[in-house]
């Protein structure tokens, strides 16, 4: 074997070793996050009856608040709103959770739908997201409500192509994980995943959401 060929083979082996180490490290971090998350969930929460079934106390209200924070950070991060306006926006968001059997599943779905809308707008100059009071209204077909059809198409495609449009799913999982367990481990793990998948716009949304939750919290 030629010297150059030997060097090339050694270089490839080194790259493989690095990739395996990264993969193992990511798996360790993911397992650590799951362990901490499971410990947190093991405590028995208060329950109260909500139309549609039983949820842990404040579960839906919590997800409504967090979804608004995600929307504010992702769609209207240069705008300020009064407490009265934010209260109205949250009432509009709550309408989407009324018939949801699983609050967390609906939360992730809505995040993915926001991502679809934002990418649609960014693809062509002149498109825009209207003001929250309209866009969040469940009866406004050119707003969040209208993204249901897009999301359903994505879900249908995933039945045969499981990783189709996976980036938005990774983001929704990341945001939910951070909302449940706001630790540096969670941030770093999902940040690395989004970076490896080259989802720069979604990574920005993730980091903006973290900042919004930590420092603005409205």
C-alpha atoms as a PDB file:
ATOM      1  CA  UNK A   1       0.000   0.000   0.000  1.00  0.00           C
ATOM      2  CA  UNK A   2       1.292   3.451  -0.908  1.00  0.00           C
ATOM      3  CA  UNK A   3       2.207   5.907   1.886  1.00  0.00           C
ATOM      4  CA  UNK A   4      -0.446   8.397   0.750  1.00  0.00           C
ATOM      5  CA  UNK A   5      -3.076   5.661   0.787  1.00  0.00           C
ATOM      6  CA  UNK A   6      -2.068   4.701   4.320  1.00  0.00           C
ATOM      7  CA  UNK A   7      -2.407   8.332   5.458  1.00  0.00           C
ATOM      8  CA  UNK A   8      -5.853   8.576   3.833  1.00  0.00           C
ATOM      9  CA  UNK A   9      -7.061   5.395   5.538  1.00  0.00           C
ATOM     10  CA  UNK A  10      -5.733   6.589   8.911  1.00  0.00           C
ATOM     11  CA  UNK A  11      -7.444   9.947   8.450  1.00  0.00           C
ATOM     12  CA  UNK A  12     -10.757   8.260   7.678  1.00  0.00           C
ATOM     13  CA  UNK A  13     -10.421   6.051  10.723  1.00  0.00           C
ATOM     14  CA  UNK A  14      -9.789   9.093  12.897  1.00  0.00           C
ATOM     15  CA  UNK A  15     -12.896  10.796  11.511  1.00  0.00           C
ATOM     16  CA  UNK A  16     -14.957   7.673  12.211  1.00  0.00           C
ATOM     17  CA  UNK A  17     -13.662   7.535  15.775  1.00  0.00           C
ATOM     18  CA  UNK A  18     -14.535  11.209  16.318  1.00  0.00           C
ATOM     19  CA  UNK A  19     -18.061  10.662  14.949  1.00  0.00           C
ATOM     20  CA  UNK A  20     -18.601   7.618  17.177  1.00  0.00           C
ATOM     21  CA  UNK A  21     -17.414   9.556  20.232  1.00  0.00           C
ATOM     22  CA  UNK A  22     -19.783  12.429  19.405  1.00  0.00           C
ATOM     23  CA  UNK A  23     -22.665  10.000  18.898  1.00  0.00           C
ATOM     24  CA  UNK A  24     -21.941   8.280  22.209  1.00  0.00           C
ATOM     25  CA  UNK A  25     -21.666  11.621  24.003  1.00  0.00           C
ATOM     26  CA  UNK A  26     -24.990  12.753  22.566  1.00  0.00           C
ATOM     27  CA  UNK A  27     -26.616   9.486  23.648  1.00  0.00           C
ATOM     28  CA  UNK A  28     -25.233   9.929  27.164  1.00  0.00           C
ATOM     29  CA  UNK A  29     -26.567  13.473  27.336  1.00  0.00           C
ATOM     30  CA  UNK A  30     -29.967  12.383  26.034  1.00  0.00           C
ATOM     31  CA  UNK A  31     -30.164   9.614  28.627  1.00  0.00           C
ATOM     32  CA  UNK A  32     -29.173  12.064  31.356  1.00  0.00           C
ATOM     33  CA  UNK A  33     -31.915  14.475  30.286  1.00  0.00           C
ATOM     34  CA  UNK A  34     -34.486  11.647  30.227  1.00  0.00           C
ATOM     35  CA  UNK A  35     -33.432  10.475  33.683  1.00  0.00           C
ATOM     36  CA  UNK A  36     -33.783  13.944  35.193  1.00  0.00           C
ATOM     37  CA  UNK A  37     -37.066  14.507  33.361  1.00  0.00           C
ATOM     38  CA  UNK A  38     -38.502  11.200  34.585  1.00  0.00           C
ATOM     39  CA  UNK A  39     -37.550  12.007  38.155  1.00  0.00           C
ATOM     40  CA  UNK A  40     -39.340  15.307  37.841  1.00  0.00           C
ATOM     41  CA  UNK A  41     -42.454  13.639  36.430  1.00  0.00           C
ATOM     42  CA  UNK A  42     -42.481  10.969  39.127  1.00  0.00           C
ATOM     43  CA  UNK A  43     -43.868  13.381  41.695  1.00  0.00           C
ATOM     44  CA  UNK A  44     -47.692  13.255  41.710  1.00  0.00           C
ATOM     45  CA  UNK A  45     -49.177  16.571  40.516  1.00  0.00           C
ATOM     46  CA  UNK A  46     -52.472  18.051  41.567  1.00  0.00           C
ATOM     47  CA  UNK A  47     -55.309  17.203  39.217  1.00  0.00           C
ATOM     48  CA  UNK A  48     -58.366  19.093  38.240  1.00  0.00           C
ATOM     49  CA  UNK A  49     -61.097  18.402  35.709  1.00  0.00           C
ATOM     50  CA  UNK A  50     -60.889  20.278  32.416  1.00  0.00           C
ATOM     51  CA  UNK A  51     -63.254  19.849  29.503  1.00  0.00           C
ATOM     52  CA  UNK A  52     -61.984  16.898  27.542  1.00  0.00           C
ATOM     53  CA  UNK A  53     -60.468  15.005  30.477  1.00  0.00           C
ATOM     54  CA  UNK A  54     -58.082  15.321  33.406  1.00  0.00           C
ATOM     55  CA  UNK A  55     -54.770  17.117  33.230  1.00  0.00           C
ATOM     56  CA  UNK A  56     -52.149  17.944  35.818  1.00  0.00           C
ATOM     57  CA  UNK A  57     -53.050  21.219  37.503  1.00  0.00           C
ATOM     58  CA  UNK A  58     -52.314  24.203  35.270  1.00  0.00           C
ATOM     59  CA  UNK A  59     -50.984  21.995  32.451  1.00  0.00           C
ATOM     60  CA  UNK A  60     -52.973  23.658  29.676  1.00  0.00           C
ATOM     61  CA  UNK A  61     -52.492  27.171  31.061  1.00  0.00           C
ATOM     62  CA  UNK A  62     -48.778  26.463  31.266  1.00  0.00           C
ATOM     63  CA  UNK A  63     -48.574  25.335  27.651  1.00  0.00           C
ATOM     64  CA  UNK A  64     -50.677  28.290  26.494  1.00  0.00           C
ATOM     65  CA  UNK A  65     -48.276  30.702  28.216  1.00  0.00           C
ATOM     66  CA  UNK A  66     -45.230  28.936  26.820  1.00  0.00           C
ATOM     67  CA  UNK A  67     -46.637  28.814  23.311  1.00  0.00           C
ATOM     68  CA  UNK A  68     -47.269  32.552  23.433  1.00  0.00           C
ATOM     69  CA  UNK A  69     -43.658  33.068  24.515  1.00  0.00           C
ATOM     70  CA  UNK A  70     -42.495  30.972  21.569  1.00  0.00           C
ATOM     71  CA  UNK A  71     -44.698  32.951  19.162  1.00  0.00           C
ATOM     72  CA  UNK A  72     -43.547  36.281  20.551  1.00  0.00           C
ATOM     73  CA  UNK A  73     -39.888  35.253  20.279  1.00  0.00           C
ATOM     74  CA  UNK A  74     -40.282  33.756  16.788  1.00  0.00           C
ATOM     75  CA  UNK A  75     -42.754  36.045  15.035  1.00  0.00           C
ATOM     76  CA  UNK A  76     -42.990  39.375  16.825  1.00  0.00           C
ATOM     77  CA  UNK A  77     -39.712  39.672  18.732  1.00  0.00           C
ATOM     78  CA  UNK A  78     -39.271  43.352  17.865  1.00  0.00           C
ATOM     79  CA  UNK A  79     -42.681  44.327  19.197  1.00  0.00           C
ATOM     80  CA  UNK A  80     -43.895  45.061  22.707  1.00  0.00           C
ATOM     81  CA  UNK A  81     -47.399  44.360  23.955  1.00  0.00           C
ATOM     82  CA  UNK A  82     -49.370  45.455  26.985  1.00  0.00           C
ATOM     83  CA  UNK A  83     -50.485  42.989  29.649  1.00  0.00           C
ATOM     84  CA  UNK A  84     -54.046  43.421  28.398  1.00  0.00           C
ATOM     85  CA  UNK A  85     -53.051  42.542  24.845  1.00  0.00           C
ATOM     86  CA  UNK A  86     -51.071  39.495  25.961  1.00  0.00           C
ATOM     87  CA  UNK A  87     -54.034  38.307  27.988  1.00  0.00           C
ATOM     88  CA  UNK A  88     -56.200  38.507  24.859  1.00  0.00           C
ATOM     89  CA  UNK A  89     -53.608  36.630  22.807  1.00  0.00           C
ATOM     90  CA  UNK A  90     -53.493  33.824  25.374  1.00  0.00           C
ATOM     91  CA  UNK A  91     -57.273  33.525  25.305  1.00  0.00           C
ATOM     92  CA  UNK A  92     -57.085  33.056  21.544  1.00  0.00           C
ATOM     93  CA  UNK A  93     -54.351  30.414  21.915  1.00  0.00           C
ATOM     94  CA  UNK A  94     -56.379  28.551  24.544  1.00  0.00           C
ATOM     95  CA  UNK A  95     -59.038  27.888  21.890  1.00  0.00           C
ATOM     96  CA  UNK A  96     -56.595  25.532  20.122  1.00  0.00           C
ATOM     97  CA  UNK A  97     -56.227  23.425  23.270  1.00  0.00           C
ATOM     98  CA  UNK A  98     -59.940  23.014  24.015  1.00  0.00           C
ATOM     99  CA  UNK A  99     -60.387  19.742  22.156  1.00  0.00           C
ATOM    100  CA  UNK A 100     -56.823  18.485  22.649  1.00  0.00           C
ATOM    101  CA  UNK A 101     -56.579  15.084  24.329  1.00  0.00           C
ATOM    102  CA  UNK A 102     -52.878  15.633  25.052  1.00  0.00           C
ATOM    103  CA  UNK A 103     -51.725  19.161  25.841  1.00  0.00           C
ATOM    104  CA  UNK A 104     -48.052  18.413  25.121  1.00  0.00           C
ATOM    105  CA  UNK A 105     -48.833  16.850  21.736  1.00  0.00           C
ATOM    106  CA  UNK A 106     -50.916  19.864  20.746  1.00  0.00           C
ATOM    107  CA  UNK A 107     -48.149  22.167  22.001  1.00  0.00           C
ATOM    108  CA  UNK A 108     -45.596  20.496  19.735  1.00  0.00           C
ATOM    109  CA  UNK A 109     -47.997  20.506  16.789  1.00  0.00           C
ATOM    110  CA  UNK A 110     -48.593  24.252  17.129  1.00  0.00           C
ATOM    111  CA  UNK A 111     -44.872  24.948  17.305  1.00  0.00           C
ATOM    112  CA  UNK A 112     -44.327  23.023  14.082  1.00  0.00           C
ATOM    113  CA  UNK A 113     -47.167  24.939  12.442  1.00  0.00           C
ATOM    114  CA  UNK A 114     -45.580  28.258  13.410  1.00  0.00           C
ATOM    115  CA  UNK A 115     -42.324  27.067  11.841  1.00  0.00           C
ATOM    116  CA  UNK A 116     -44.116  26.145   8.618  1.00  0.00           C
ATOM    117  CA  UNK A 117     -45.721  29.588   8.505  1.00  0.00           C
ATOM    118  CA  UNK A 118     -42.487  31.416   9.207  1.00  0.00           C
ATOM    119  CA  UNK A 119     -40.607  29.517   6.519  1.00  0.00           C
ATOM    120  CA  UNK A 120     -43.429  30.166   4.056  1.00  0.00           C
ATOM    121  CA  UNK A 121     -43.198  33.894   4.726  1.00  0.00           C
ATOM    122  CA  UNK A 122     -39.402  33.952   4.491  1.00  0.00           C
ATOM    123  CA  UNK A 123     -39.374  32.198   1.110  1.00  0.00           C
ATOM    124  CA  UNK A 124     -40.759  35.194  -0.771  1.00  0.00           C
ATOM    125  CA  UNK A 125     -40.367  38.926  -0.339  1.00  0.00           C
ATOM    126  CA  UNK A 126     -43.616  40.700   0.457  1.00  0.00           C
ATOM    127  CA  UNK A 127     -45.171  37.959   2.567  1.00  0.00           C
ATOM    128  CA  UNK A 128     -45.802  38.752   6.211  1.00  0.00           C
ATOM    129  CA  UNK A 129     -47.338  37.538   9.458  1.00  0.00           C
ATOM    130  CA  UNK A 130     -50.273  39.694  10.491  1.00  0.00           C
ATOM    131  CA  UNK A 131     -50.699  41.120  13.994  1.00  0.00           C
ATOM    132  CA  UNK A 132     -51.229  38.595  16.820  1.00  0.00           C
ATOM    133  CA  UNK A 133     -54.843  39.547  17.529  1.00  0.00           C
ATOM    134  CA  UNK A 134     -55.740  38.372  14.009  1.00  0.00           C
ATOM    135  CA  UNK A 135     -53.122  35.698  13.306  1.00  0.00           C
ATOM    136  CA  UNK A 136     -53.851  33.751  16.502  1.00  0.00           C
ATOM    137  CA  UNK A 137     -57.620  33.852  16.069  1.00  0.00           C
ATOM    138  CA  UNK A 138     -58.881  30.325  15.407  1.00  0.00           C
ATOM    139  CA  UNK A 139     -61.422  31.739  12.908  1.00  0.00           C
ATOM    140  CA  UNK A 140     -58.797  33.597  10.843  1.00  0.00           C
ATOM    141  CA  UNK A 141     -57.936  31.261   7.971  1.00  0.00           C
ATOM    142  CA  UNK A 142     -54.849  33.210   6.900  1.00  0.00           C
ATOM    143  CA  UNK A 143     -53.292  32.796  10.333  1.00  0.00           C
ATOM    144  CA  UNK A 144     -52.341  29.943  12.630  1.00  0.00           C
ATOM    145  CA  UNK A 145     -55.647  28.181  11.896  1.00  0.00           C
ATOM    146  CA  UNK A 146     -54.758  27.965   8.213  1.00  0.00           C
ATOM    147  CA  UNK A 147     -51.524  26.097   8.940  1.00  0.00           C
ATOM    148  CA  UNK A 148     -53.451  22.989  10.015  1.00  0.00           C
ATOM    149  CA  UNK A 149     -53.699  21.821   6.400  1.00  0.00           C
ATOM    150  CA  UNK A 150     -49.929  22.245   5.916  1.00  0.00           C
ATOM    151  CA  UNK A 151     -49.219  20.296   9.083  1.00  0.00           C
ATOM    152  CA  UNK A 152     -51.568  17.487   8.062  1.00  0.00           C
ATOM    153  CA  UNK A 153     -49.709  17.143   4.742  1.00  0.00           C
ATOM    154  CA  UNK A 154     -46.401  16.916   6.602  1.00  0.00           C
ATOM    155  CA  UNK A 155     -47.799  14.247   8.919  1.00  0.00           C
ATOM    156  CA  UNK A 156     -49.180  12.283   5.966  1.00  0.00           C
ATOM    157  CA  UNK A 157     -45.797  12.383   4.219  1.00  0.00           C
ATOM    158  CA  UNK A 158     -44.038  11.210   7.385  1.00  0.00           C
ATOM    159  CA  UNK A 159     -45.991   7.945   7.224  1.00  0.00           C
ATOM    160  CA  UNK A 160     -43.859   6.899   4.248  1.00  0.00           C
ATOM    161  CA  UNK A 161     -40.860   9.222   4.771  1.00  0.00           C
ATOM    162  CA  UNK A 162     -40.316   9.266   8.560  1.00  0.00           C
ATOM    163  CA  UNK A 163     -37.655  11.984   8.562  1.00  0.00           C
ATOM    164  CA  UNK A 164     -39.536  14.344   6.255  1.00  0.00           C
ATOM    165  CA  UNK A 165     -39.215  17.971   7.430  1.00  0.00           C
ATOM    166  CA  UNK A 166     -37.584  16.629  10.581  1.00  0.00           C
ATOM    167  CA  UNK A 167     -36.113  19.975  11.599  1.00  0.00           C
ATOM    168  CA  UNK A 168     -39.397  21.426  12.823  1.00  0.00           C
ATOM    169  CA  UNK A 169     -40.028  18.261  14.822  1.00  0.00           C
ATOM    170  CA  UNK A 170     -36.597  18.574  16.428  1.00  0.00           C
ATOM    171  CA  UNK A 171     -37.372  22.166  17.388  1.00  0.00           C
ATOM    172  CA  UNK A 172     -40.751  21.334  18.912  1.00  0.00           C
ATOM    173  CA  UNK A 173     -39.096  18.579  20.957  1.00  0.00           C
ATOM    174  CA  UNK A 174     -36.347  20.985  22.035  1.00  0.00           C
ATOM    175  CA  UNK A 175     -38.761  23.709  23.142  1.00  0.00           C
ATOM    176  CA  UNK A 176     -40.931  21.241  25.062  1.00  0.00           C
ATOM    177  CA  UNK A 177     -37.848  19.777  26.751  1.00  0.00           C
ATOM    178  CA  UNK A 178     -36.629  23.208  27.788  1.00  0.00           C
ATOM    179  CA  UNK A 179     -40.051  24.224  29.082  1.00  0.00           C
ATOM    180  CA  UNK A 180     -40.112  21.118  31.276  1.00  0.00           C
ATOM    181  CA  UNK A 181     -36.478  21.176  32.348  1.00  0.00           C
ATOM    182  CA  UNK A 182     -34.667  24.480  31.822  1.00  0.00           C
ATOM    183  CA  UNK A 183     -31.140  23.220  32.397  1.00  0.00           C
ATOM    184  CA  UNK A 184     -27.879  23.934  30.500  1.00  0.00           C
ATOM    185  CA  UNK A 185     -27.723  20.220  29.638  1.00  0.00           C
ATOM    186  CA  UNK A 186     -31.023  20.448  27.745  1.00  0.00           C
ATOM    187  CA  UNK A 187     -29.986  23.639  25.975  1.00  0.00           C
ATOM    188  CA  UNK A 188     -26.607  22.289  24.865  1.00  0.00           C
ATOM    189  CA  UNK A 189     -27.981  18.932  23.744  1.00  0.00           C
ATOM    190  CA  UNK A 190     -30.713  20.352  21.501  1.00  0.00           C
ATOM    191  CA  UNK A 191     -28.494  23.184  20.313  1.00  0.00           C
ATOM    192  CA  UNK A 192     -25.962  20.623  19.084  1.00  0.00           C
ATOM    193  CA  UNK A 193     -28.665  18.559  17.390  1.00  0.00           C
ATOM    194  CA  UNK A 194     -30.045  21.563  15.492  1.00  0.00           C
ATOM    195  CA  UNK A 195     -26.531  22.644  14.529  1.00  0.00           C
ATOM    196  CA  UNK A 196     -25.641  19.169  13.226  1.00  0.00           C
ATOM    197  CA  UNK A 197     -28.829  19.123  11.171  1.00  0.00           C
ATOM    198  CA  UNK A 198     -27.922  22.589   9.826  1.00  0.00           C
ATOM    199  CA  UNK A 199     -31.250  24.061  10.938  1.00  0.00           C
ATOM    200  CA  UNK A 200     -29.919  27.582  11.471  1.00  0.00           C
ATOM    201  CA  UNK A 201     -33.297  29.334  11.397  1.00  0.00           C
ATOM    202  CA  UNK A 202     -34.784  26.876  13.884  1.00  0.00           C
ATOM    203  CA  UNK A 203     -31.730  27.138  16.114  1.00  0.00           C
ATOM    204  CA  UNK A 204     -32.252  30.904  16.194  1.00  0.00           C
ATOM    205  CA  UNK A 205     -35.898  30.413  17.153  1.00  0.00           C
ATOM    206  CA  UNK A 206     -34.847  28.020  19.918  1.00  0.00           C
ATOM    207  CA  UNK A 207     -32.296  30.424  21.388  1.00  0.00           C
ATOM    208  CA  UNK A 208     -34.707  33.378  21.086  1.00  0.00           C
ATOM    209  CA  UNK A 209     -37.371  31.373  22.912  1.00  0.00           C
ATOM    210  CA  UNK A 210     -34.980  30.489  25.731  1.00  0.00           C
ATOM    211  CA  UNK A 211     -34.031  34.137  26.144  1.00  0.00           C
ATOM    212  CA  UNK A 212     -37.664  35.185  26.084  1.00  0.00           C
ATOM    213  CA  UNK A 213     -38.705  32.647  28.701  1.00  0.00           C
ATOM    214  CA  UNK A 214     -35.764  33.379  30.975  1.00  0.00           C
ATOM    215  CA  UNK A 215     -35.733  37.159  30.818  1.00  0.00           C
ATOM    216  CA  UNK A 216     -39.148  38.392  29.707  1.00  0.00           C
ATOM    217  CA  UNK A 217     -41.557  35.665  30.827  1.00  0.00           C
ATOM    218  CA  UNK A 218     -44.822  37.216  29.591  1.00  0.00           C
END
